[in-house]
Amino acid sequence: MREGWEAAQKRNIDLVGIGNKIHQKYSQDWKKIKETWPKELASMDMELDVKVNIKRPGLFQKSFKELLESENDN
């Protein structure tokens, strides 16, 4: 996720629409930064908070523990 974020920043691509959200919720602030938005976007940092819920773990051929062990063996 971090690599994708950094790649988008380098290309000045607002993939998640942060600029639109700022414009909608904080229109006065947007007016101040809209001209320098690519620079603002490039200087932003992303904090990741990932939560995972595995709904069907029975689909694995091997247990998760076995998969981790085989990965560590390589």
N, C-alpha and C. Protein backbone atom coordinates (compact mmCIF):
# COMPACT_ATOMS: atom_id res chain seq x y z
N MET A 1 0.83 -1.19 0.00
CA MET A 1 0.00 0.00 0.00
C MET A 1 0.87 1.26 0.00
N ARG A 2 1.92 1.18 0.80
CA ARG A 2 2.80 2.36 0.88
C ARG A 2 3.48 2.61 -0.46
N GLU A 3 3.92 1.56 -1.14
CA GLU A 3 4.57 1.73 -2.44
C GLU A 3 3.63 2.35 -3.46
N GLY A 4 2.38 1.93 -3.44
CA GLY A 4 1.38 2.50 -4.34
C GLY A 4 1.14 3.97 -4.05
N TRP A 5 1.06 4.30 -2.77
CA TRP A 5 0.87 5.70 -2.36
C TRP A 5 2.03 6.56 -2.84
N GLU A 6 3.25 6.08 -2.63
CA GLU A 6 4.43 6.84 -3.03
C GLU A 6 4.51 6.99 -4.55
N ALA A 7 4.16 5.95 -5.28
CA ALA A 7 4.16 6.03 -6.74
C ALA A 7 3.14 7.06 -7.23
N ALA A 8 1.96 7.07 -6.62
CA ALA A 8 0.94 8.04 -7.01
C ALA A 8 1.40 9.46 -6.69
N GLN A 9 2.04 9.65 -5.54
CA GLN A 9 2.55 10.97 -5.17
C GLN A 9 3.59 11.47 -6.18
N LYS A 10 4.49 10.58 -6.59
CA LYS A 10 5.53 10.98 -7.55
C LYS A 10 4.93 11.43 -8.88
N ARG A 11 3.79 10.86 -9.23
CA ARG A 11 3.14 11.20 -10.49
C ARG A 11 2.04 12.26 -10.32
N ASN A 12 1.93 12.79 -9.10
CA ASN A 12 0.91 13.81 -8.79
C ASN A 12 -0.50 13.31 -9.08
N ILE A 13 -0.76 12.06 -8.70
CA ILE A 13 -2.07 11.46 -8.92
C ILE A 13 -2.78 11.31 -7.58
N ASP A 14 -3.94 11.89 -7.47
CA ASP A 14 -4.74 11.82 -6.25
C ASP A 14 -5.72 10.65 -6.40
N LEU A 15 -5.22 9.44 -6.22
CA LEU A 15 -6.02 8.24 -6.45
C LEU A 15 -7.24 8.13 -5.54
N VAL A 16 -7.12 8.56 -4.32
CA VAL A 16 -8.22 8.37 -3.37
C VAL A 16 -9.12 9.60 -3.26
N GLY A 17 -8.84 10.65 -4.03
CA GLY A 17 -9.72 11.82 -4.06
C GLY A 17 -9.64 12.71 -2.84
N ILE A 18 -8.45 12.83 -2.27
CA ILE A 18 -8.28 13.67 -1.09
C ILE A 18 -8.61 15.11 -1.40
N GLY A 19 -8.17 15.58 -2.55
CA GLY A 19 -8.45 16.97 -2.95
C GLY A 19 -9.94 17.24 -3.02
N ASN A 20 -10.71 16.32 -3.57
CA ASN A 20 -12.17 16.50 -3.65
C ASN A 20 -12.79 16.56 -2.26
N LYS A 21 -12.30 15.71 -1.37
CA LYS A 21 -12.86 15.70 -0.01
C LYS A 21 -12.55 17.01 0.71
N ILE A 22 -11.33 17.51 0.54
CA ILE A 22 -10.98 18.81 1.15
C ILE A 22 -11.85 19.90 0.55
N HIS A 23 -12.01 19.88 -0.76
CA HIS A 23 -12.82 20.89 -1.44
C HIS A 23 -14.26 20.88 -0.94
N GLN A 24 -14.82 19.70 -0.76
CA GLN A 24 -16.21 19.59 -0.31
C GLN A 24 -16.39 20.01 1.15
N LYS A 25 -15.48 19.57 2.00
CA LYS A 25 -15.68 19.80 3.44
C LYS A 25 -15.06 21.11 3.93
N TYR A 26 -13.94 21.50 3.32
CA TYR A 26 -13.22 22.70 3.76
C TYR A 26 -12.94 23.60 2.56
N SER A 27 -13.98 24.13 1.97
CA SER A 27 -13.84 24.88 0.72
C SER A 27 -12.94 26.11 0.86
N GLN A 28 -12.97 26.78 2.01
CA GLN A 28 -12.10 27.95 2.20
C GLN A 28 -10.63 27.54 2.25
N ASP A 29 -10.34 26.43 2.91
CA ASP A 29 -8.97 25.94 2.95
C ASP A 29 -8.53 25.48 1.56
N TRP A 30 -9.45 24.87 0.81
CA TRP A 30 -9.11 24.41 -0.54
C TRP A 30 -8.69 25.57 -1.42
N LYS A 31 -9.35 26.70 -1.29
CA LYS A 31 -9.00 27.87 -2.09
C LYS A 31 -7.56 28.29 -1.86
N LYS A 32 -7.07 28.07 -0.64
CA LYS A 32 -5.69 28.45 -0.31
C LYS A 32 -4.66 27.48 -0.90
N ILE A 33 -5.04 26.22 -1.05
CA ILE A 33 -4.04 25.22 -1.47
C ILE A 33 -4.25 24.68 -2.88
N LYS A 34 -5.33 25.05 -3.55
CA LYS A 34 -5.63 24.41 -4.84
C LYS A 34 -4.55 24.66 -5.88
N GLU A 35 -3.90 25.81 -5.86
CA GLU A 35 -2.85 26.10 -6.84
C GLU A 35 -1.60 25.27 -6.58
N THR A 36 -1.36 24.91 -5.35
CA THR A 36 -0.16 24.15 -4.99
C THR A 36 -0.51 22.71 -4.62
N TRP A 37 -1.69 22.24 -5.03
CA TRP A 37 -2.16 20.91 -4.63
C TRP A 37 -1.18 19.78 -4.96
N PRO A 38 -0.60 19.73 -6.16
CA PRO A 38 0.36 18.64 -6.43
C PRO A 38 1.52 18.62 -5.43
N LYS A 39 2.02 19.79 -5.07
CA LYS A 39 3.11 19.88 -4.08
C LYS A 39 2.61 19.45 -2.70
N GLU A 40 1.41 19.85 -2.34
CA GLU A 40 0.81 19.46 -1.06
C GLU A 40 0.64 17.94 -1.01
N LEU A 41 0.12 17.37 -2.08
CA LEU A 41 -0.10 15.93 -2.14
C LEU A 41 1.22 15.18 -2.01
N ALA A 42 2.25 15.67 -2.70
CA ALA A 42 3.55 15.00 -2.68
C ALA A 42 4.20 15.02 -1.30
N SER A 43 3.83 16.00 -0.47
CA SER A 43 4.45 16.09 0.85
C SER A 43 3.64 15.38 1.94
N MET A 44 2.48 14.85 1.59
CA MET A 44 1.64 14.15 2.57
C MET A 44 2.23 12.80 2.94
N ASP A 45 1.97 12.41 4.17
CA ASP A 45 2.35 11.07 4.62
C ASP A 45 1.06 10.31 4.88
N MET A 46 1.13 9.00 4.71
CA MET A 46 -0.05 8.17 4.91
C MET A 46 0.19 7.29 6.13
N GLU A 47 -0.77 7.26 7.01
CA GLU A 47 -0.72 6.38 8.17
C GLU A 47 -1.63 5.19 7.88
N LEU A 48 -1.05 4.00 7.92
CA LEU A 48 -1.82 2.79 7.61
C LEU A 48 -2.39 2.19 8.88
N ASP A 49 -3.63 1.79 8.79
CA ASP A 49 -4.30 1.07 9.87
C ASP A 49 -5.15 0.00 9.18
N VAL A 50 -4.59 -1.19 9.08
CA VAL A 50 -5.23 -2.26 8.32
C VAL A 50 -5.86 -3.26 9.27
N LYS A 51 -7.11 -3.59 9.02
CA LYS A 51 -7.82 -4.61 9.77
C LYS A 51 -8.28 -5.67 8.79
N VAL A 52 -8.04 -6.92 9.13
CA VAL A 52 -8.36 -8.00 8.22
C VAL A 52 -9.33 -8.96 8.90
N ASN A 53 -10.31 -9.41 8.13
CA ASN A 53 -11.25 -10.40 8.61
C ASN A 53 -11.29 -11.51 7.57
N ILE A 54 -10.74 -12.68 7.91
CA ILE A 54 -10.75 -13.81 6.98
C ILE A 54 -12.06 -14.55 7.18
N LYS A 55 -12.90 -14.50 6.18
CA LYS A 55 -14.24 -15.06 6.29
C LYS A 55 -14.29 -16.56 6.04
N ARG A 56 -13.42 -17.06 5.16
CA ARG A 56 -13.48 -18.47 4.82
C ARG A 56 -12.09 -19.10 4.86
N PRO A 57 -11.51 -19.23 6.04
CA PRO A 57 -10.15 -19.77 6.13
C PRO A 57 -10.05 -21.23 5.71
N GLY A 58 -11.15 -21.93 5.64
CA GLY A 58 -11.14 -23.33 5.26
C GLY A 58 -10.78 -23.57 3.81
N LEU A 59 -10.62 -22.51 3.02
CA LEU A 59 -10.29 -22.67 1.61
C LEU A 59 -8.81 -22.98 1.39
N PHE A 60 -7.98 -22.80 2.41
CA PHE A 60 -6.56 -23.10 2.27
C PHE A 60 -6.34 -24.60 2.21
N GLN A 61 -5.42 -25.04 1.36
CA GLN A 61 -5.05 -26.45 1.30
C GLN A 61 -4.23 -26.83 2.52
N LYS A 62 -3.34 -25.94 2.93
CA LYS A 62 -2.51 -26.16 4.11
C LYS A 62 -2.95 -25.14 5.17
N SER A 63 -2.61 -25.44 6.41
CA SER A 63 -2.93 -24.47 7.45
C SER A 63 -2.06 -23.23 7.27
N PHE A 64 -2.49 -22.14 7.82
CA PHE A 64 -1.73 -20.89 7.72
C PHE A 64 -0.35 -21.07 8.33
N LYS A 65 -0.28 -21.79 9.43
CA LYS A 65 1.00 -22.05 10.09
C LYS A 65 1.94 -22.80 9.15
N GLU A 66 1.44 -23.80 8.44
CA GLU A 66 2.27 -24.55 7.50
C GLU A 66 2.75 -23.67 6.35
N LEU A 67 1.90 -22.78 5.88
CA LEU A 67 2.29 -21.87 4.81
C LEU A 67 3.41 -20.94 5.27
N LEU A 68 3.30 -20.43 6.49
CA LEU A 68 4.35 -19.56 7.03
C LEU A 68 5.67 -20.31 7.18
N GLU A 69 5.60 -21.54 7.68
CA GLU A 69 6.80 -22.34 7.86
C GLU A 69 7.48 -22.62 6.52
N SER A 70 6.69 -22.97 5.50
CA SER A 70 7.28 -23.25 4.19
C SER A 70 7.87 -21.99 3.56
N GLU A 71 7.27 -20.83 3.84
CA GLU A 71 7.81 -19.57 3.34
C GLU A 71 9.13 -19.25 4.01
N ASN A 72 9.23 -19.51 5.30
CA ASN A 72 10.47 -19.24 6.04
C ASN A 72 11.59 -20.19 5.64
N ASP A 73 11.25 -21.38 5.15
CA ASP A 73 12.25 -22.34 4.72
C ASP A 73 12.94 -21.91 3.44
N ASN A 74 12.27 -21.05 2.66
CA ASN A 74 12.84 -20.61 1.36
C ASN A 74 13.83 -19.54 1.56
